Amino acid sequence: MTKNQLQKNLLPRHISLMAMGGAIGTGIFKGSGETVSIAGPGVIFTYIFAGLLLLVVMGSIAEMAIIYPNTNMKGFIGKAFGDRMAFIIGWMYCILWLAVCVIEVVVAGSFLQFWLPDVPLWILSIICSIVLIAVNTMNVKNYGEFEFWFAGIKIGMIILFIILGAAVLFGIIPSGETNYLQNYTENGGFFPNGGMSVFSALLIVMFSYGGSELIGVTVTEAKDAEKILPKVIKSFIFRIILFYTLPILIICGLIPWNELTDDSSPFVQVLTISGLSGAAHIMNFVLIIAVLSAANSGIYGCTRMMYSLALEGQGPKAFSKVNKNGVPLYSLLVTAIILIAGSMIALVKQDEVFTLLMAFPGFVVSIVWITICLAQLKLRKSYPFQPSFKIWGYPYIPIFTVICLAIISISFLFDEANRISIMACLACFFVVIVIAIFKFKSNER
């Protein structure tokens, strides 16, 4: 192994659980309450629709990975649109994950306060940050194993939630209520706010699903990536939709959609109804695991993208240096500093910071997904050979996906609730674009 080379030790189960770890976090455990309040029980169609868009994005990644082995997501974009676009998307992806990681560690700290109410939030958030940074200093195989179990715990708890919720819903576990199924039809019906509300909820769902494209970053550290990616993606997308739609169906069945409160997670409210002793403590543990797992995946994605950028001269050279474990040490150091600084923001106004950053990832994710689809559309015409796995319905389905994602992105811009976040996001885009213009002015392709 050369001095600045990553290790190819990620197994299929590592890759699948890492991507699921990035996608199943705050969005489902906290964001599900907000999406239900927007669209009612019909919000499950929002998750299914967004999941189908995600399937096309990830299928595009798998197809390009077969043609261009040892190339990650940024590399595909570079081959299609040149170094300037790869630079812009690469650095915005880093900023995206830094924002997500700050959100997750602050939220994890707030959940820890359930048990440690006298400990300041910023201290708990910093402790969470230190633990995650320590995990990311492991060699990639051990890291993948850790995240496999980390993500596995919360997925296991979601399955348990589905089983318990279904048992209460169909009367196997008595709760005093005789007919829960009426909650799907009363209080305005399945679409209480109209059919268009399904599309309004897409803003939050995009944030929830963001992180799934992390598979496109793991390619350079996976064994036989071109063989395993199609299999991983086909099973992964089914599980993602399953783990979002079934819990939300159960939540809306057990609790009228308009009675969900912001005081606690919808999951905690349902477990309380089931009469499970210590439900709040169990669910709080799961919530902590969930957000830390998402942050853990985010740190990985951010450091590997910084490494990739530096390796191609698009970032500080130090970011391309790896330690004996194959970890981009300086990239991890910068991420650690930002995480700790983000945790310190909790000293001021944690609620405002959370709200400010929440819409930021959703908007950037939609742009990244659009770029991935466009790269596949362009590169397909110049493939040196035909891949064993191809995206379905080319070029119509990828084009339809791009149009849908573009509409979602534009809707972000006109949503007043996200105005501050979008302004901050556009400011970051502007800075990165200006840097790219000058950096590649004499080296355009």
Protein backbone atom coordinates (compact mmCIF):
# COMPACT_ATOMS: atom_id res chain seq x y z
CA MET A 1 0.00 0.00 0.00
CA THR A 2 1.40 3.41 -0.93
CA LYS A 3 1.73 6.23 1.52
CA ASN A 4 -1.42 8.11 0.52
CA GLN A 5 -3.64 5.17 -0.38
CA LEU A 6 -6.95 4.21 1.20
CA GLN A 7 -7.52 0.60 2.21
CA LYS A 8 -9.92 -1.64 0.23
CA ASN A 9 -11.42 -3.43 3.23
CA LEU A 10 -15.09 -2.50 3.20
CA LEU A 11 -17.40 -5.49 2.78
CA PRO A 12 -20.88 -5.42 1.17
CA ARG A 13 -22.61 -5.45 4.57
CA HIS A 14 -20.40 -2.57 5.72
CA ILE A 15 -21.30 -0.46 2.69
CA SER A 16 -25.02 -1.16 2.95
CA LEU A 17 -25.25 -0.43 6.68
CA MET A 18 -23.04 2.69 6.38
CA ALA A 19 -25.36 4.18 3.77
CA MET A 20 -28.40 3.21 5.83
CA GLY A 21 -26.70 4.70 8.88
CA GLY A 22 -26.42 8.01 7.04
CA ALA A 23 -30.03 7.91 5.86
CA ILE A 24 -31.81 6.67 9.00
CA GLY A 25 -31.29 9.29 11.67
CA THR A 26 -32.90 12.52 12.81
CA GLY A 27 -35.04 12.58 9.65
CA ILE A 28 -37.10 9.53 10.63
CA PHE A 29 -37.01 9.68 14.42
CA LYS A 30 -37.80 13.39 14.69
CA GLY A 31 -38.67 14.55 11.18
CA SER A 32 -41.45 11.97 10.73
CA GLY A 33 -43.66 13.96 13.09
CA GLU A 34 -43.26 17.05 10.94
CA THR A 35 -43.91 15.26 7.64
CA VAL A 36 -47.09 13.69 9.07
CA SER A 37 -48.28 17.13 10.23
CA ILE A 38 -47.85 18.40 6.64
CA ALA A 39 -49.50 15.58 4.70
CA GLY A 40 -51.19 13.28 7.22
CA PRO A 41 -51.08 9.48 6.68
CA GLY A 42 -50.73 10.08 2.93
CA VAL A 43 -47.13 11.14 3.56
CA ILE A 44 -46.12 7.51 2.98
CA PHE A 45 -46.50 8.22 -0.74
CA THR A 46 -43.98 11.04 -0.35
CA TYR A 47 -41.45 8.60 1.06
CA ILE A 48 -42.17 6.05 -1.68
CA PHE A 49 -41.88 8.66 -4.44
CA ALA A 50 -38.62 10.05 -3.03
CA GLY A 51 -37.36 6.49 -2.62
CA LEU A 52 -37.96 5.81 -6.32
CA LEU A 53 -36.00 8.94 -7.23
CA LEU A 54 -33.23 7.74 -4.93
CA LEU A 55 -33.26 4.35 -6.65
CA VAL A 56 -32.44 6.01 -9.98
CA VAL A 57 -29.64 8.07 -8.39
CA MET A 58 -28.05 5.06 -6.76
CA GLY A 59 -28.55 2.94 -9.86
CA SER A 60 -26.64 5.59 -11.80
CA ILE A 61 -23.79 5.36 -9.29
CA ALA A 62 -23.68 1.56 -9.62
CA GLU A 63 -23.65 1.72 -13.42
CA MET A 64 -20.79 4.23 -13.53
CA ALA A 65 -18.83 2.30 -10.87
CA ILE A 66 -18.80 -0.76 -13.14
CA ILE A 67 -17.41 1.25 -16.08
CA TYR A 68 -14.96 3.32 -14.03
CA PRO A 69 -13.63 1.15 -11.17
CA ASN A 70 -11.75 2.83 -8.31
CA THR A 71 -13.59 6.08 -9.06
CA ASN A 72 -15.89 7.69 -6.51
CA MET A 73 -18.90 9.98 -6.93
CA LYS A 74 -16.80 13.09 -7.47
CA GLY A 75 -14.74 11.24 -10.06
CA PHE A 76 -17.83 10.39 -12.11
CA ILE A 77 -18.88 14.04 -12.09
CA GLY A 78 -15.36 15.10 -13.10
CA LYS A 79 -15.32 12.70 -16.05
CA ALA A 80 -18.66 14.05 -17.25
CA PHE A 81 -18.32 17.79 -16.63
CA GLY A 82 -14.69 18.50 -15.86
CA ASP A 83 -12.65 19.43 -12.80
CA ARG A 84 -14.50 22.68 -12.11
CA MET A 85 -17.87 20.98 -11.56
CA ALA A 86 -16.23 18.16 -9.58
CA PHE A 87 -14.59 20.78 -7.37
CA ILE A 88 -17.89 22.60 -6.73
CA ILE A 89 -19.94 19.48 -5.98
CA GLY A 90 -17.12 17.89 -3.98
CA TRP A 91 -16.69 20.83 -1.62
CA MET A 92 -20.44 21.42 -1.28
CA TYR A 93 -20.77 17.76 -0.35
CA CYS A 94 -18.16 18.27 2.38
CA ILE A 95 -20.01 21.34 3.68
CA LEU A 96 -23.27 19.38 3.55
CA TRP A 97 -21.91 16.63 5.77
CA LEU A 98 -20.26 19.06 8.17
CA ALA A 99 -23.65 20.74 8.66
CA VAL A 100 -25.36 17.36 9.15
CA CYS A 101 -22.73 16.20 11.64
CA VAL A 102 -23.09 19.37 13.71
CA ILE A 103 -26.87 18.90 13.75
CA GLU A 104 -26.55 15.26 14.80
CA VAL A 105 -24.07 15.77 17.66
CA VAL A 106 -26.08 18.68 19.08
CA VAL A 107 -29.25 16.57 18.87
CA ALA A 108 -27.42 13.62 20.47
CA GLY A 109 -26.37 15.92 23.31
CA SER A 110 -29.96 17.08 23.78
CA PHE A 111 -31.12 13.45 24.01
CA LEU A 112 -28.44 12.72 26.62
CA GLN A 113 -29.88 15.54 28.71
CA PHE A 114 -32.92 13.30 29.23
CA TRP A 115 -30.71 11.39 31.67
CA LEU A 116 -28.24 14.17 32.53
CA PRO A 117 -30.38 17.32 32.78
CA ASP A 118 -27.80 19.24 34.82
CA VAL A 119 -24.96 18.82 32.33
CA PRO A 120 -24.71 21.68 29.78
CA LEU A 121 -25.65 20.74 26.23
CA TRP A 122 -22.36 21.93 24.75
CA ILE A 123 -20.36 19.59 27.01
CA LEU A 124 -22.49 16.57 26.05
CA SER A 125 -22.23 17.50 22.37
CA ILE A 126 -18.43 17.76 22.59
CA ILE A 127 -18.27 14.35 24.30
CA CYS A 128 -20.30 12.88 21.44
CA SER A 129 -17.97 14.55 18.94
CA ILE A 130 -14.85 13.13 20.63
CA VAL A 131 -16.31 9.61 20.66
CA LEU A 132 -17.12 9.79 16.93
CA ILE A 133 -13.71 11.19 16.01
CA ALA A 134 -12.07 8.34 17.96
CA VAL A 135 -14.14 5.79 16.02
CA ASN A 136 -13.06 7.37 12.73
CA THR A 137 -9.36 6.93 13.57
CA MET A 138 -9.79 3.15 13.20
CA ASN A 139 -8.71 1.39 10.03
CA VAL A 140 -11.55 1.23 7.55
CA LYS A 141 -12.37 -2.45 8.18
CA ASN A 142 -12.78 -1.92 11.93
CA TYR A 143 -14.63 1.32 11.27
CA GLY A 144 -16.99 -0.49 8.88
CA GLU A 145 -17.56 -3.19 11.50
CA PHE A 146 -18.30 -0.59 14.17
CA GLU A 147 -20.77 1.26 11.95
CA PHE A 148 -22.33 -2.06 10.92
CA TRP A 149 -23.33 -2.72 14.54
CA PHE A 150 -24.01 0.95 15.26
CA ALA A 151 -26.52 1.18 12.42
CA GLY A 152 -27.72 -2.37 13.07
CA ILE A 153 -28.92 -1.47 16.58
CA LYS A 154 -31.24 1.29 15.40
CA ILE A 155 -32.49 -0.77 12.46
CA GLY A 156 -33.22 -3.62 14.87
CA MET A 157 -35.15 -1.24 17.10
CA ILE A 158 -37.17 0.03 14.15
CA ILE A 159 -38.11 -3.60 13.37
CA LEU A 160 -39.09 -4.10 17.01
CA PHE A 161 -41.13 -0.90 16.84
CA ILE A 162 -42.94 -2.17 13.74
CA ILE A 163 -43.74 -5.50 15.44
CA LEU A 164 -44.93 -3.88 18.69
CA GLY A 165 -46.92 -1.20 16.86
CA ALA A 166 -48.60 -3.76 14.59
CA ALA A 167 -49.46 -5.87 17.63
CA VAL A 168 -51.18 -2.90 19.28
CA LEU A 169 -52.83 -1.84 16.00
CA PHE A 170 -54.47 -5.23 15.47
CA GLY A 171 -55.37 -5.82 19.12
CA ILE A 172 -52.76 -8.47 19.93
CA ILE A 173 -51.46 -6.17 22.68
CA PRO A 174 -54.51 -4.64 24.46
CA SER A 175 -54.36 -0.87 24.99
CA GLY A 176 -57.97 0.12 25.73
CA GLU A 177 -58.70 1.31 22.19
CA THR A 178 -60.98 -0.90 20.07
CA ASN A 179 -60.61 0.46 16.55
CA TYR A 180 -57.33 2.10 15.63
CA LEU A 181 -57.90 1.68 11.90
CA GLN A 182 -60.40 4.54 11.94
CA ASN A 183 -57.47 6.92 12.43
CA TYR A 184 -56.65 6.42 8.74
CA THR A 185 -60.04 7.70 7.60
CA GLU A 186 -61.11 10.21 10.27
CA ASN A 187 -59.71 13.71 10.96
CA GLY A 188 -59.80 14.62 7.28
CA GLY A 189 -59.04 11.21 5.82
CA PHE A 190 -55.83 9.80 4.37
CA PHE A 191 -55.00 13.13 2.67
CA PRO A 192 -56.33 15.68 5.22
CA ASN A 193 -54.48 18.62 3.68
CA GLY A 194 -55.11 17.67 0.06
CA GLY A 195 -53.14 15.62 -2.42
CA MET A 196 -50.60 18.38 -3.10
CA SER A 197 -49.45 18.24 0.53
CA VAL A 198 -47.67 15.01 -0.42
CA PHE A 199 -45.28 17.10 -2.51
CA SER A 200 -44.91 19.78 0.18
CA ALA A 201 -43.44 17.16 2.51
CA LEU A 202 -40.72 16.35 -0.04
CA LEU A 203 -38.56 19.11 1.44
CA ILE A 204 -38.11 17.23 4.71
CA VAL A 205 -38.02 13.78 3.10
CA MET A 206 -35.04 14.85 0.96
CA PHE A 207 -33.20 15.68 4.17
CA SER A 208 -34.25 12.32 5.61
CA TYR A 209 -32.97 10.31 2.63
CA GLY A 210 -29.82 12.38 2.26
CA GLY A 211 -26.78 10.24 2.99
CA SER A 212 -27.87 7.29 0.89
CA GLU A 213 -25.59 8.46 -1.92
CA LEU A 214 -22.71 7.80 0.51
CA ILE A 215 -22.37 4.50 -1.37
CA GLY A 216 -20.82 6.58 -4.16
CA VAL A 217 -18.06 7.64 -1.77
CA THR A 218 -17.32 4.15 -0.38
CA VAL A 219 -16.46 2.80 -3.85
CA THR A 220 -12.71 3.43 -3.48
CA GLU A 221 -12.53 1.43 -0.24
CA ALA A 222 -14.75 -1.49 -1.25
CA LYS A 223 -13.68 -4.92 -2.42
CA ASP A 224 -14.99 -5.71 -5.93
CA ALA A 225 -17.19 -2.61 -5.87
CA GLU A 226 -18.34 -3.07 -9.48
CA LYS A 227 -19.75 -6.50 -8.60
CA ILE A 228 -21.33 -5.82 -5.22
CA LEU A 229 -22.82 -2.35 -5.73
CA PRO A 230 -25.79 -3.39 -7.92
CA LYS A 231 -26.76 -6.08 -5.39
CA VAL A 232 -26.33 -3.75 -2.42
CA ILE A 233 -28.39 -0.98 -4.05
CA LYS A 234 -31.28 -3.25 -5.03
CA SER A 235 -31.69 -4.53 -1.47
CA PHE A 236 -30.86 -1.20 0.15
CA ILE A 237 -33.56 0.86 -1.53
CA PHE A 238 -36.25 -1.67 -0.58
CA ARG A 239 -35.16 -1.56 3.05
CA ILE A 240 -35.02 2.25 3.13
CA ILE A 241 -38.62 2.59 1.93
CA LEU A 242 -39.71 -0.21 4.27
CA PHE A 243 -38.09 1.36 7.33
CA TYR A 244 -39.76 4.70 6.63
CA THR A 245 -43.24 3.79 5.37
CA LEU A 246 -44.18 0.99 7.80
CA PRO A 247 -43.29 2.94 10.97
CA ILE A 248 -45.21 5.99 9.71
CA LEU A 249 -48.25 3.84 8.87
CA ILE A 250 -48.17 2.47 12.40
CA ILE A 251 -47.72 5.93 13.94
CA CYS A 252 -50.69 7.31 12.00
CA GLY A 253 -52.78 4.27 12.90
CA LEU A 254 -52.13 4.41 16.64
CA ILE A 255 -52.23 8.20 17.04
CA PRO A 256 -54.48 10.56 15.03
CA TRP A 257 -52.14 12.49 12.75
CA ASN A 258 -53.29 15.84 14.20
CA GLU A 259 -52.57 14.76 17.78
CA LEU A 260 -48.84 14.18 17.36
CA THR A 261 -46.90 16.60 19.55
CA ASP A 262 -43.48 18.19 19.24
CA ASP A 263 -42.65 17.37 22.85
CA SER A 264 -41.26 13.93 22.03
CA SER A 265 -40.56 11.63 19.12
CA PRO A 266 -43.63 9.97 17.53
CA PHE A 267 -41.85 6.69 18.26
CA VAL A 268 -41.77 7.43 21.99
CA GLN A 269 -45.48 8.30 21.94
CA VAL A 270 -46.36 5.00 20.27
CA LEU A 271 -44.22 2.91 22.61
CA THR A 272 -45.86 4.63 25.56
CA ILE A 273 -49.29 3.61 24.22
CA SER A 274 -48.09 0.00 23.96
CA GLY A 275 -47.59 -0.02 27.73
CA LEU A 276 -43.97 -1.16 27.37
CA SER A 277 -42.21 -0.51 30.66
CA GLY A 278 -39.43 2.05 30.32
CA ALA A 279 -40.43 2.87 26.74
CA ALA A 280 -39.12 6.43 26.97
CA HIS A 281 -35.68 5.27 28.15
CA ILE A 282 -35.46 2.56 25.49
CA MET A 283 -36.45 4.95 22.73
CA ASN A 284 -34.12 7.66 23.99
CA PHE A 285 -31.24 5.19 23.76
CA VAL A 286 -32.25 4.33 20.20
CA LEU A 287 -32.49 8.02 19.28
CA ILE A 288 -28.94 8.62 20.55
CA ILE A 289 -27.62 5.63 18.61
CA ALA A 290 -29.51 6.79 15.52
CA VAL A 291 -28.13 10.32 15.39
CA LEU A 292 -24.59 9.24 16.33
CA SER A 293 -24.66 6.61 13.60
CA ALA A 294 -25.78 9.22 11.05
CA ALA A 295 -23.01 11.58 12.21
CA ASN A 296 -20.50 8.71 12.07
CA SER A 297 -21.38 8.04 8.43
CA GLY A 298 -21.22 11.77 7.75
CA ILE A 299 -17.69 12.11 9.14
CA TYR A 300 -16.60 9.24 6.91
CA GLY A 301 -18.18 10.81 3.84
CA CYS A 302 -16.70 14.22 4.55
CA THR A 303 -13.14 13.05 5.24
CA ARG A 304 -13.06 10.78 2.18
CA MET A 305 -14.35 13.54 -0.07
CA MET A 306 -11.69 15.93 1.28
CA TYR A 307 -9.09 13.22 0.62
CA SER A 308 -10.32 12.76 -2.94
CA LEU A 309 -10.28 16.52 -3.60
CA ALA A 310 -6.76 16.90 -2.21
CA LEU A 311 -5.46 13.93 -4.16
CA GLU A 312 -6.44 15.67 -7.40
CA GLY A 313 -5.03 19.05 -6.40
CA GLN A 314 -8.46 20.51 -5.62
CA GLY A 315 -7.85 20.92 -1.89
CA PRO A 316 -4.98 21.41 0.58
CA LYS A 317 -2.30 18.77 -0.06
CA ALA A 318 -2.26 17.78 3.63
CA PHE A 319 -5.80 16.39 3.26
CA SER A 320 -4.44 13.61 1.01
CA LYS A 321 -2.14 12.21 3.70
CA VAL A 322 -3.27 9.06 5.48
CA ASN A 323 -1.97 7.42 8.64
CA LYS A 324 -0.95 3.76 9.06
CA ASN A 325 -4.61 2.80 9.36
CA GLY A 326 -5.41 4.34 5.99
CA VAL A 327 -7.33 7.24 7.59
CA PRO A 328 -7.06 10.78 6.07
CA LEU A 329 -5.73 12.24 9.31
CA TYR A 330 -5.72 15.97 8.51
CA SER A 331 -9.17 15.79 6.92
CA LEU A 332 -10.38 14.16 10.12
CA LEU A 333 -8.66 16.84 12.21
CA VAL A 334 -10.45 19.65 10.36
CA THR A 335 -13.76 17.81 10.74
CA ALA A 336 -13.09 17.41 14.48
CA ILE A 337 -12.42 21.14 14.90
CA ILE A 338 -15.66 22.06 13.11
CA LEU A 339 -17.65 19.51 15.13
CA ILE A 340 -16.34 20.89 18.41
CA ALA A 341 -16.92 24.48 17.26
CA GLY A 342 -20.46 23.51 16.21
CA SER A 343 -21.03 21.98 19.62
CA MET A 344 -19.96 25.23 21.24
CA ILE A 345 -22.71 27.04 19.33
CA ALA A 346 -25.09 25.31 21.72
CA LEU A 347 -23.82 27.80 24.32
CA VAL A 348 -25.76 30.47 22.46
CA LYS A 349 -29.05 29.36 20.88
CA GLN A 350 -29.27 25.69 20.04
CA ASP A 351 -32.83 25.76 18.68
CA GLU A 352 -32.06 28.49 16.16
CA VAL A 353 -28.90 26.70 15.02
CA PHE A 354 -30.80 23.46 14.48
CA THR A 355 -33.50 25.22 12.45
CA LEU A 356 -30.90 27.15 10.44
CA LEU A 357 -28.99 24.05 9.40
CA MET A 358 -31.88 21.63 8.86
CA ALA A 359 -32.88 22.69 5.34
CA PHE A 360 -29.26 23.18 4.24
CA PRO A 361 -28.56 19.45 3.67
CA GLY A 362 -31.85 18.84 1.86
CA PHE A 363 -31.11 21.50 -0.77
CA VAL A 364 -27.51 20.39 -1.34
CA VAL A 365 -28.55 16.73 -1.53
CA SER A 366 -31.04 17.52 -4.31
CA ILE A 367 -28.28 19.33 -6.27
CA VAL A 368 -25.84 16.42 -5.77
CA TRP A 369 -28.45 13.89 -6.91
CA ILE A 370 -29.22 15.96 -10.01
CA THR A 371 -25.54 16.13 -10.91
CA ILE A 372 -25.10 12.36 -10.49
CA CYS A 373 -28.01 11.68 -12.86
CA LEU A 374 -26.75 14.19 -15.41
CA ALA A 375 -23.27 12.60 -15.26
CA GLN A 376 -24.75 9.19 -16.03
CA LEU A 377 -26.81 10.62 -18.89
CA LYS A 378 -23.72 12.17 -20.45
CA LEU A 379 -21.22 9.37 -19.82
CA ARG A 380 -23.47 6.54 -21.07
CA LYS A 381 -22.82 7.66 -24.66
CA SER A 382 -19.04 7.24 -24.30
CA TYR A 383 -18.76 4.01 -22.27
CA PRO A 384 -15.84 1.87 -23.52
CA PHE A 385 -17.97 -1.26 -22.95
CA GLN A 386 -21.51 -2.17 -21.92
CA PRO A 387 -21.93 -2.56 -18.13
CA SER A 388 -23.49 -5.67 -16.62
CA PHE A 389 -25.91 -3.41 -14.75
CA LYS A 390 -27.77 -0.57 -16.49
CA ILE A 391 -30.19 2.02 -15.17
CA TRP A 392 -33.73 1.31 -16.26
CA GLY A 393 -35.56 3.18 -19.02
CA TYR A 394 -32.57 5.19 -20.21
CA PRO A 395 -32.72 8.07 -21.03
CA TYR A 396 -36.34 8.76 -20.06
CA ILE A 397 -36.32 7.68 -16.40
CA PRO A 398 -33.05 9.53 -15.56
CA ILE A 399 -34.38 12.66 -17.32
CA PHE A 400 -37.68 12.41 -15.43
CA THR A 401 -35.71 12.06 -12.17
CA VAL A 402 -33.64 15.17 -12.97
CA ILE A 403 -36.81 17.18 -13.69
CA CYS A 404 -38.44 16.06 -10.42
CA LEU A 405 -35.34 16.86 -8.39
CA ALA A 406 -35.03 20.25 -10.07
CA ILE A 407 -38.64 21.09 -9.13
CA ILE A 408 -37.92 20.04 -5.53
CA SER A 409 -34.79 22.23 -5.46
CA ILE A 410 -36.69 25.24 -6.77
CA SER A 411 -39.42 24.69 -4.18
CA PHE A 412 -36.74 24.95 -1.49
CA LEU A 413 -35.95 28.47 -2.71
CA PHE A 414 -39.54 29.67 -2.30
CA ASP A 415 -40.24 28.11 1.07
CA GLU A 416 -40.23 30.93 3.63
CA ALA A 417 -39.54 28.56 6.52
CA ASN A 418 -36.21 27.63 4.91
CA ARG A 419 -35.24 31.11 3.75
CA ILE A 420 -32.32 31.65 6.16
CA SER A 421 -30.95 28.15 5.49
CA ILE A 422 -31.20 28.58 1.73
CA MET A 423 -29.51 32.00 1.88
CA ALA A 424 -26.63 30.44 3.80
CA CYS A 425 -26.50 27.55 1.34
CA LEU A 426 -26.49 29.84 -1.71
CA ALA A 427 -23.76 31.93 -0.09
CA CYS A 428 -21.61 28.80 0.26
CA PHE A 429 -22.34 27.86 -3.34
CA PHE A 430 -21.33 31.36 -4.47
CA VAL A 431 -18.01 31.25 -2.61
CA VAL A 432 -17.14 27.77 -3.93
CA ILE A 433 -18.13 28.71 -7.49
CA VAL A 434 -16.00 31.88 -7.41
CA ILE A 435 -13.01 29.89 -6.14
CA ALA A 436 -13.58 27.30 -8.88
CA ILE A 437 -13.76 29.97 -11.59
CA PHE A 438 -10.38 31.40 -10.65
CA LYS A 439 -8.72 28.07 -9.81
CA PHE A 440 -9.54 26.48 -13.16
CA LYS A 441 -9.44 29.62 -15.29
CA SER A 442 -6.28 28.55 -17.11
CA ASN A 443 -7.01 24.84 -16.97
CA GLU A 444 -10.49 24.39 -18.42
CA ARG A 445 -11.53 21.15 -20.03
